[in-house]
Protein backbone atom coordinates (compact mmCIF):
# COMPACT_ATOMS: atom_id res chain seq x y z
CA MET A 1 141.94 106.08 11.26
CA LYS A 2 142.73 107.18 15.03
CA ALA A 3 145.78 109.73 13.37
CA PHE A 4 143.11 111.28 10.98
CA GLN A 5 140.44 111.79 13.91
CA LEU A 6 143.37 113.37 16.02
CA MET A 7 143.70 115.50 13.45
CA GLY A 8 140.27 116.47 13.18
CA LEU A 9 140.40 117.21 16.82
CA ALA A 10 143.63 119.54 16.40
CA ILE A 11 141.89 121.73 13.78
CA GLY A 12 138.99 121.67 15.48
CA ALA A 13 140.79 123.62 18.51
CA LEU A 14 142.83 125.58 16.31
CA LEU A 15 139.08 127.26 14.59
CA GLY A 16 138.28 128.23 18.42
CA ALA A 17 137.50 125.44 20.22
CA GLY A 18 137.28 127.51 23.65
CA THR A 19 137.97 126.74 27.01
CA ALA A 20 135.78 127.91 29.67
CA ALA A 21 137.53 129.51 33.21
CA ALA A 22 138.34 127.99 35.84
CA GLY A 23 139.23 128.81 39.50
CA PRO A 24 141.95 126.71 41.54
CA LEU A 25 141.43 123.70 43.84
CA PRO A 26 139.94 124.65 46.96
CA GLY A 27 142.57 126.11 49.81
CA GLY A 28 144.69 123.16 51.18
CA TRP A 29 144.16 120.98 48.10
CA SER A 30 147.07 119.20 45.58
CA CYS A 31 147.34 119.12 42.10
CA THR A 32 149.71 116.99 39.73
CA GLY A 33 148.74 118.12 36.56
CA ASN A 34 146.09 119.45 34.87
CA CYS A 35 143.00 120.45 37.64
CA GLY A 36 140.32 123.06 38.71
CA THR A 37 137.27 123.83 40.03
CA ASN A 38 134.39 124.84 38.02
CA THR A 39 131.08 127.27 39.52
CA ALA A 40 128.83 126.38 36.54
CA ALA A 41 127.53 123.86 34.43
CA ASP A 42 130.51 123.21 31.89
CA GLY A 43 128.44 121.46 28.37
CA ASP A 44 127.93 118.27 29.56
CA VAL A 45 128.85 118.41 32.99
CA THR A 46 126.03 119.92 35.58
CA LEU A 47 126.84 120.96 38.58
CA ALA A 48 126.24 117.93 41.30
CA PRO A 49 122.54 117.66 43.09
CA GLY A 50 122.51 120.80 45.80
CA PHE A 51 125.84 122.12 44.96
CA GLY A 52 127.46 125.38 43.45
CA SER A 53 130.97 123.82 42.07
CA TYR A 54 132.73 121.29 41.49
CA GLN A 55 136.05 120.06 41.19
CA TRP A 56 138.09 118.48 38.39
CA ILE A 57 141.07 116.93 37.01
CA SER A 58 141.88 116.26 33.27
CA THR A 59 144.22 113.68 31.22
CA ALA A 60 144.47 117.06 29.06
CA GLY A 61 147.55 119.02 29.71
CA GLY A 62 148.45 116.09 32.29
CA LEU A 63 152.33 115.14 33.26
CA THR A 64 154.25 111.68 32.09
CA GLY A 65 152.83 109.56 35.14
CA ALA A 66 150.40 111.20 37.13
CA GLY A 67 147.05 109.71 37.72
CA GLN A 68 148.24 105.90 37.77
CA LEU A 69 146.90 103.71 40.28
CA PRO A 70 148.93 104.29 43.25
CA VAL A 71 149.02 100.40 43.44
CA GLY A 72 148.92 98.18 41.28
CA PRO A 73 149.13 100.27 37.75
CA THR A 74 148.10 97.97 34.46
CA GLY A 75 151.43 99.39 33.10
CA GLN A 76 149.71 100.97 30.19
CA GLU A 77 149.52 104.54 31.59
CA THR A 78 151.12 107.32 29.70
CA ASN A 79 149.88 111.04 31.30
CA GLY A 80 147.04 112.12 33.36
CA SER A 81 146.47 113.81 36.39
CA SER A 82 146.26 113.85 40.40
CA ALA A 83 144.48 115.75 43.45
CA GLN A 84 144.72 115.11 47.05
CA THR A 85 142.08 116.82 49.86
CA PRO A 86 143.63 118.20 52.93
CA THR A 87 143.72 115.61 55.73
CA PHE A 88 140.89 115.17 58.31
CA SER A 89 139.90 113.52 61.44
CA VAL A 90 137.50 110.96 61.54
CA ASN A 91 136.06 108.28 64.27
CA ALA A 92 135.18 104.93 63.62
CA GLY A 93 131.40 105.25 62.36
CA ASP A 94 132.36 108.36 60.38
CA LYS A 95 130.82 108.95 57.08
CA LEU A 96 132.63 109.89 54.01
CA ASN A 97 129.96 111.26 50.94
CA PHE A 98 130.74 112.90 47.61
CA TYR A 99 129.47 112.95 44.11
CA PHE A 100 131.88 111.93 41.02
CA ASN A 101 131.40 112.14 36.76
CA TYR A 102 133.39 110.24 35.27
CA ILE A 103 134.16 111.85 31.17
CA THR A 104 135.86 109.88 28.22
CA SER A 105 136.17 110.82 24.82
CA ASP A 106 138.70 108.09 24.11
CA GLY A 107 136.34 105.01 23.48
CA VAL A 108 136.68 101.38 22.75
CA GLN A 109 136.85 98.73 25.93
CA PHE A 110 139.17 99.09 28.50
CA THR A 111 141.56 101.94 28.15
CA GLU A 112 141.39 104.88 30.32
CA TYR A 113 140.72 104.83 34.00
CA ALA A 114 139.86 107.41 37.05
CA TRP A 115 140.08 106.42 40.34
CA ALA A 116 139.73 107.49 44.13
CA GLY A 117 141.16 106.18 47.12
CA LEU A 118 142.15 107.17 51.21
CA TYR A 119 145.64 107.90 52.32
CA SER A 120 146.34 107.49 55.74
CA GLY A 121 147.99 111.44 56.66
CA THR A 122 148.93 112.45 53.22
CA SER A 123 151.89 109.58 52.07
CA THR A 124 150.90 106.31 52.84
CA PHE A 125 148.22 104.94 50.51
CA ASP A 126 145.38 103.15 52.69
CA SER A 127 142.66 102.05 50.21
CA TYR A 128 140.80 102.34 46.79
CA LEU A 129 137.11 103.19 46.98
CA PHE A 130 136.57 102.87 43.79
CA THR A 131 137.73 102.90 40.08
CA ALA A 132 136.19 103.85 36.82
CA ARG A 133 136.81 102.87 33.27
CA THR A 134 136.15 103.11 29.28
CA THR A 135 133.90 100.37 28.48
CA THR A 136 131.87 99.22 25.60
CA SER A 137 128.88 97.88 27.70
CA GLY A 138 127.99 97.85 31.30
CA ASN A 139 129.36 99.57 34.36
CA THR A 140 131.72 101.62 34.31
CA VAL A 141 132.38 102.01 37.72
CA PRO A 142 134.01 99.79 39.12
CA GLY A 143 136.43 99.37 36.23
CA PHE A 144 137.20 96.40 34.34
CA GLY A 145 140.03 94.53 35.60
CA LEU A 146 141.21 97.26 38.30
CA PRO A 147 140.20 97.12 41.50
CA GLY A 148 136.36 96.50 42.76
CA LEU A 149 134.74 98.74 44.93
CA GLY A 150 136.08 99.31 48.80
CA ALA A 151 134.35 97.87 51.46
CA GLY A 152 131.98 99.74 53.10
CA VAL A 153 131.39 102.02 49.93
CA THR A 154 128.02 102.27 48.79
CA LEU A 155 127.21 103.94 45.03
CA THR A 156 123.47 105.69 44.20
CA PRO A 157 122.60 104.44 41.75
CA SER A 158 124.34 101.45 42.15
CA THR A 159 124.70 101.34 38.17
CA SER A 160 127.07 103.10 35.83
CA ALA A 161 126.23 102.75 32.29
CA ILE A 162 127.87 105.31 30.51
CA ILE A 163 125.92 107.98 28.83
CA PRO A 164 126.81 107.77 25.13
CA GLY A 165 128.65 110.37 22.99
CA GLY A 166 131.18 112.64 22.30
CA PRO A 167 131.31 114.41 25.82
CA ASP A 168 131.76 118.30 25.66
CA PHE A 169 133.10 119.45 28.57
CA SER A 170 136.15 121.84 28.44
CA PRO A 171 138.61 120.60 30.41
CA LEU A 172 138.83 117.89 27.78
CA GLY A 173 140.58 120.65 25.34
CA GLY A 174 140.51 119.71 22.09
CA SER A 175 139.44 116.75 23.04
CA SER A 176 135.75 117.67 23.93
CA GLY A 177 133.14 116.80 21.99
CA GLY A 178 135.23 114.13 20.33
CA CYS A 179 134.92 110.27 20.65
CA TYR A 180 137.54 107.68 19.49
CA GLY A 181 135.79 104.47 17.96
CA GLY A 182 132.33 106.60 17.56
CA SER A 183 128.83 106.17 19.44
CA GLY A 184 128.41 102.87 21.14
CA GLN A 185 132.52 102.85 21.62
CA GLY A 186 132.57 103.57 25.28
CA CYS A 187 132.78 107.61 25.15
CA GLY A 188 130.75 109.97 26.88
CA TYR A 189 130.00 110.54 30.57
CA THR A 190 128.40 108.67 34.14
CA GLY A 191 126.54 111.53 35.23
CA TRP A 192 126.56 112.53 38.95
CA ILE A 193 127.33 109.08 40.97
CA GLN A 194 127.42 109.47 44.95
CA MET A 195 129.50 107.77 46.95
CA GLU A 196 129.25 107.09 50.82
CA TYR A 197 131.81 105.44 52.67
CA THR A 198 131.77 104.73 56.20
CA PHE A 199 134.96 103.90 58.74
CA THR A 200 135.79 101.39 60.41
CA THR A 201 138.76 102.34 61.99
CA ALA A 202 139.58 106.12 63.68
CA GLY A 203 142.27 107.83 62.41
CA ILE A 204 143.82 111.03 60.30
CA TYR A 205 143.08 110.52 56.17
CA SER A 206 143.30 112.50 53.18
CA LEU A 207 141.33 111.65 49.96
CA GLY A 208 142.96 110.99 46.52
CA PHE A 209 142.07 111.59 43.28
CA GLY A 210 143.49 110.20 39.52
CA VAL A 211 142.29 109.85 36.07
CA THR A 212 145.00 108.86 33.01
CA ASN A 213 145.25 108.12 29.51
CA ALA A 214 146.24 104.61 28.68
CA LEU A 215 148.50 103.63 25.55
CA ASP A 216 148.76 106.81 24.17
CA THR A 217 148.15 110.84 25.20
CA ALA A 218 145.12 110.96 22.79
CA PHE A 219 141.44 111.86 23.57
CA ASP A 220 141.45 112.50 26.69
CA SER A 221 139.51 111.86 29.76
CA ALA A 222 138.04 113.84 33.01
CA PHE A 223 137.24 112.90 36.84
CA ALA A 224 134.91 115.57 38.77
CA ILE A 225 134.42 115.21 41.83
CA ALA A 226 131.91 117.26 44.40
CA GLY A 227 130.63 117.96 48.06
CA VAL A 228 133.31 116.17 49.43
CA SER A 229 131.72 115.84 53.49
CA ILE A 230 132.47 113.72 56.45
CA ASN A 231 128.98 113.38 58.44
CA ASP A 232 128.12 115.78 55.92
CA THR A 233 130.48 118.36 57.19
CA PRO A 234 132.30 119.86 54.03
CA ILE A 235 136.46 119.42 54.22
CA ASP A 236 137.09 122.78 53.95
CA PRO A 237 140.00 124.10 55.81
CA ASN A 238 139.40 127.96 54.71
CA PRO A 239 135.40 128.63 55.11
CA VAL A 240 134.31 131.28 53.57
CA PRO A 241 132.10 133.31 56.11
CA GLU A 242 128.38 133.47 55.55
CA PRO A 243 126.65 136.53 55.00
CA ALA A 244 125.35 136.80 58.45
CA THR A 245 128.70 136.52 59.79
CA LEU A 246 130.71 138.94 57.74
CA THR A 247 128.21 141.56 58.88
CA LEU A 248 128.76 140.64 62.70
CA LEU A 249 132.47 140.90 62.19
CA GLY A 250 132.17 143.81 60.16
CA ALA A 251 130.77 145.88 63.48
CA SER A 252 132.97 143.75 65.66
CA LEU A 253 135.79 146.02 63.85
CA LEU A 254 133.87 149.11 63.61
CA GLY A 255 133.24 148.82 67.18
CA LEU A 256 137.02 148.23 68.51
CA GLY A 257 138.17 151.28 65.64
CA ALA A 258 135.42 153.69 67.98
CA LEU A 259 137.02 152.68 71.06
CA ARG A 260 140.37 153.80 70.46
CA ARG A 261 139.61 155.98 68.62
CA ARG A 262 138.03 157.24 72.33
CA ARG A 263 140.82 156.06 74.14
CA GLN A 264 143.48 158.31 71.84
CA GLN A 265 141.18 161.22 72.45
CA GLY A 266 141.39 161.07 76.37
């Protein structure tokens, strides 16, 4: 049965299932596999509340072995993608916030999954924040049989039943709109969920995300992230100046140019 559904998805892709334009991840982020940034709603995935863009990773176009749990993988992983933020410094009591949305076209219970976790620096895994997994009923987060919520993690809303149906999301590639197993079999998306975590130990950290296929490479899944911040300050090593700042900078440069011309004329 899955072979016939795969054929249908492939034909749909050849007949013009398009992929929306996506930008790169923000400066300082790293990507293994297929990652991007969207600045508008894309099918079933709207913009997160209060934000004008979000990042995503997808198993469609992912790499073998990428996106799996960094500690304790299930052994069923095939291909996927991962992303990591630049490092940031925190004190005990500081709060990490972001929104996430897990999107999957692969139904039937306990298959594909996504995760978010903290690293000490960029290479040493520290702890899981949460996992998300395809399931036919109950909460998608935390993932069944996977690490639970990290100590100090709060999710809003606290429940995460999947919004069912073949999810429309262009980073899923040819799987967009499809669903293995049919309605009610775990396909869909969680919608935006807010995560808050309170650090108990000061240090330099980075934030990692992964999403992976399991057992096969068909019927892809994706993971979207928005608004990563510490104490409501965005993690952004290359912030875009506000318009007023740009105006002030332009005036300063003009002033320096005029002063230089006067000195040359004198």
